[in-house]
Amino acid sequence: MRTVIAVAHRGDPYRARENTIDSLRSALHRGADAVEIDVRLTRDRVPVLLHDKTLKRLWDHDRPLRSLSCDEVRGLTAGGVPTLAEALDATGDSRIMIDLPGSVDAEVVREVVDVVRACGAQERAYYCAAAPAMLAVRAVDPSAEIALTWTSLAPPRPTLLDAVRPRWLNYRFPLVNRDLLARVHRDGCLVSVWTPDTRRSMRRLLDVGVDSITTNRIDTLTALRRD
């Protein structure tokens, strides 16, 4: 029987602050198959978990991450922003979807991929973002598993698919229907979606037959999946 992969968006953000170790562990405790994390670099090029460009929304410090060293980030957040290495260690053998928000280049990607390799996490880590970042990932790591984020009903160009070689196409959930799913499967990719948080939306996607769902309410998804 086909099982939809349940991915926890930034951990378990309704119970613990997003992209923190507590949030990741809470999501895994509640049955997540994988956790999605956002990774950016500090001034001294340490990959850490943060979605936004600044610390303002989550940590009430209006400081750009790229202007701060890793030690300064630790001090401003009382150690609340983990490094990628710490997150990989805390999640054991679980799958990790690494989102690369914002504008990234090959050097940023290389720093992230190097940490994944150093932690021995290549087999359980996969990457998601728009085409420019995923092209950079493919150039740095020819064997990387990629979920190409796609926000249009129009299919990706064949030349782009050939260059990125994604295993997944990663869609905003309202775009996905049976026809789109069938087309993507015919093209040889799996379909992941983000981020439905209501039972109604999750049920529709389960009925349609998506392969993976990324949500902020991982306990709701895992309960529906059991049913």
Foldseek 3Di string as FASTA:
>chain_A
DAFAAEEEEQAQCVVPPGQFLVRNVVLVVLPHQEYEFEWDAALVGFIWTDQDQACCPPQNDGDGRNPHDPVVVCVSRVNGIGTPLVNVVSNPLGAYEYEYDDDDALVSLLSVVVSCVVSVNQVRYAYEDAQRVLLSNCVNPVPGAYAHEDEDLDDDDPVSCVRNVHQEHEYAQVSDALVSQVVVVVVRHAYEYDEDEDLVSLVRCVVSPHRYYYYSHSNSNVVVSVD
